[in-house]
Amino acid sequence: LHNQVNYRTTMASSKIGSFLGKNFNKDYFFSTHFWGPLANWGFVIAGLADMKKSPEIVSLPMTSALCVYSLLFMRFAWVVKPRNYLLLACHTANESVQLRQVYRKLDWEYWGGKQKWAKEHPEEPTTILPTPSK
C-alpha cells in the first residue's frame, strides 16, 4: 500500500511538473493575458454585490461606460491571436451584470420602479441617499 501511494504521488507530481514546465503555460500564467482577465472578475463580483442594493445608487454614466468597455474588450478577446477565452468570459459576464444594472436604474428612475416601491413600502422613505442641507 505504501508503494502504491508513493507511486501515485510521484506520477501526479510529475504530471503537474510537466504541465507547469511547458513554456506555454509558464508564459500564460505569468502574463497579463491571465492576470488581467482574472483581475477584471472584480467588476463582475462588485456588480453582483450591488444587485442587493437600491437601484438609486447605480450611476448610469459609469455603468454605461462599463458596458462599452466590456463590449470593446469582448471584441478584442475574440480577434486577438490566440483567442483569449478567459478575457472573453470575464467581459461577457460583466456585460450581462452591467446591463442588468442599467435596466434596474432605468426602471427605478423612469419606468415607475420608485413609485411602485413607495406604494409597497409606505412606511419607508423612497431614498436612501442623504438630502443636501440648505
Protein backbone atom coordinates (compact mmCIF):
# COMPACT_ATOMS: atom_id res chain seq x y z
CA LEU A 1 0.00 0.00 0.00
CA HIS A 2 2.81 2.41 0.88
CA ASN A 3 4.48 1.80 -2.51
CA GLN A 4 1.20 2.44 -4.34
CA VAL A 5 0.74 5.77 -2.56
CA ASN A 6 4.31 6.78 -3.37
CA TYR A 7 3.88 5.72 -7.00
CA ARG A 8 0.64 7.70 -7.37
CA THR A 9 2.11 10.74 -5.64
CA THR A 10 5.17 10.58 -7.87
CA MET A 11 3.03 10.23 -11.01
CA ALA A 12 0.79 13.13 -10.02
CA SER A 13 3.71 15.38 -9.18
CA SER A 14 5.48 14.50 -12.43
CA LYS A 15 2.32 15.24 -14.45
CA ILE A 16 1.86 18.55 -12.66
CA GLY A 17 5.54 19.31 -13.12
CA SER A 18 5.45 18.52 -16.82
CA PHE A 19 2.27 20.61 -17.20
CA LEU A 20 3.82 23.60 -15.44
CA GLY A 21 7.15 23.02 -17.13
CA LYS A 22 5.86 23.81 -20.59
CA ASN A 23 6.82 27.25 -21.83
CA PHE A 24 3.28 27.97 -22.99
CA ASN A 25 1.84 27.50 -19.52
CA LYS A 26 4.59 29.50 -17.83
CA ASP A 27 4.22 32.26 -20.38
CA TYR A 28 0.44 32.24 -19.97
CA PHE A 29 0.15 32.06 -16.18
CA PHE A 30 2.82 34.71 -15.67
CA SER A 31 1.44 37.17 -18.22
CA THR A 32 -1.20 39.85 -18.40
CA HIS A 33 -3.25 37.50 -20.63
CA PHE A 34 -4.07 35.58 -17.45
CA TRP A 35 -3.83 38.11 -14.62
CA GLY A 36 -5.62 40.93 -16.44
CA PRO A 37 -8.85 38.97 -17.00
CA LEU A 38 -8.57 37.46 -13.55
CA ALA A 39 -8.44 40.93 -12.01
CA ASN A 40 -11.38 42.06 -14.18
CA TRP A 41 -13.61 39.47 -12.48
CA GLY A 42 -13.66 42.06 -9.68
CA PHE A 43 -16.05 44.14 -11.82
CA VAL A 44 -18.39 41.18 -12.08
CA ILE A 45 -18.25 40.45 -8.35
CA ALA A 46 -18.84 44.12 -7.49
CA GLY A 47 -21.79 44.30 -9.90
CA LEU A 48 -23.33 41.19 -8.41
CA ALA A 49 -22.89 42.57 -4.90
CA ASP A 50 -24.60 45.81 -5.97
CA MET A 51 -27.68 43.85 -7.10
CA LYS A 52 -28.72 43.63 -3.43
CA LYS A 53 -28.52 47.40 -3.01
CA SER A 54 -31.03 50.03 -4.03
CA PRO A 55 -31.01 50.94 -7.73
CA GLU A 56 -30.81 54.53 -6.58
CA ILE A 57 -27.05 54.20 -6.03
CA VAL A 58 -26.35 52.98 -9.57
CA SER A 59 -24.55 55.57 -11.66
CA LEU A 60 -26.00 55.43 -15.15
CA PRO A 61 -22.99 57.14 -16.84
CA MET A 62 -20.47 54.87 -15.11
CA THR A 63 -22.47 51.71 -15.72
CA SER A 64 -22.89 52.66 -19.37
CA ALA A 65 -19.14 53.25 -19.65
CA LEU A 66 -18.51 49.79 -18.17
CA CYS A 67 -20.87 48.32 -20.78
CA VAL A 68 -18.95 49.96 -23.62
CA TYR A 69 -15.64 48.91 -22.03
CA SER A 70 -16.73 45.29 -21.81
CA LEU A 71 -18.06 45.28 -25.37
CA LEU A 72 -14.74 46.58 -26.69
CA PHE A 73 -12.74 44.04 -24.76
CA MET A 74 -15.06 41.20 -25.78
CA ARG A 75 -14.29 42.11 -29.37
CA PHE A 76 -10.57 42.32 -28.61
CA ALA A 77 -10.58 38.94 -26.84
CA TRP A 78 -12.21 37.36 -29.88
CA VAL A 79 -9.96 38.82 -32.60
CA VAL A 80 -6.59 38.57 -30.82
CA LYS A 81 -4.49 35.55 -31.78
CA PRO A 82 -4.60 33.25 -29.90
CA ARG A 83 -8.11 33.97 -28.67
CA ASN A 84 -8.27 34.89 -25.02
CA TYR A 85 -11.28 32.91 -23.78
CA LEU A 86 -10.74 33.92 -20.15
CA LEU A 87 -10.95 37.60 -21.13
CA LEU A 88 -13.99 36.90 -23.30
CA ALA A 89 -15.78 35.08 -20.47
CA CYS A 90 -14.96 37.80 -17.97
CA HIS A 91 -16.26 40.62 -20.14
CA THR A 92 -19.32 38.65 -21.26
CA ALA A 93 -20.24 38.16 -17.62
CA ASN A 94 -19.51 41.82 -16.86
CA GLU A 95 -21.62 42.97 -19.80
CA SER A 96 -24.55 40.90 -18.52
CA VAL A 97 -24.24 42.26 -14.98
CA GLN A 98 -23.85 45.88 -16.09
CA LEU A 99 -26.79 45.68 -18.50
CA ARG A 100 -28.91 44.37 -15.63
CA GLN A 101 -27.78 47.35 -13.55
CA VAL A 102 -28.72 49.75 -16.36
CA TYR A 103 -32.17 48.15 -16.52
CA ARG A 104 -32.60 48.46 -12.73
CA LYS A 105 -31.63 52.14 -12.81
CA LEU A 106 -33.90 52.98 -15.76
CA ASP A 107 -36.77 51.11 -14.14
CA TRP A 108 -36.22 52.93 -10.83
CA GLU A 109 -35.91 56.42 -12.30
CA TYR A 110 -38.03 56.45 -15.46
CA TRP A 111 -40.35 53.42 -15.63
CA GLY A 112 -42.16 53.69 -12.30
CA GLY A 113 -39.99 51.49 -10.11
CA LYS A 114 -39.63 54.15 -7.44
CA GLN A 115 -43.38 54.78 -7.28
CA LYS A 116 -44.18 51.06 -7.19
CA TRP A 117 -41.72 50.58 -4.33
CA ALA A 118 -43.22 53.55 -2.45
CA LYS A 119 -46.71 52.02 -2.72
CA GLU A 120 -45.46 48.65 -1.44
CA HIS A 121 -43.45 50.22 1.43
CA PRO A 122 -45.40 53.32 2.57
CA GLU A 123 -43.62 53.48 5.93
CA GLU A 124 -40.13 53.71 4.41
CA PRO A 125 -38.56 56.67 2.57
CA THR A 126 -38.08 56.30 -1.19
CA THR A 127 -34.50 57.49 -0.99
CA ILE A 128 -31.51 56.13 0.87
CA LEU A 129 -29.29 58.99 -0.15
CA PRO A 130 -28.91 61.92 2.26
CA THR A 131 -30.61 65.10 1.17
CA PRO A 132 -28.37 68.16 0.97
CA SER A 133 -28.85 70.61 3.78
CA LYS A 134 -29.72 74.18 2.85
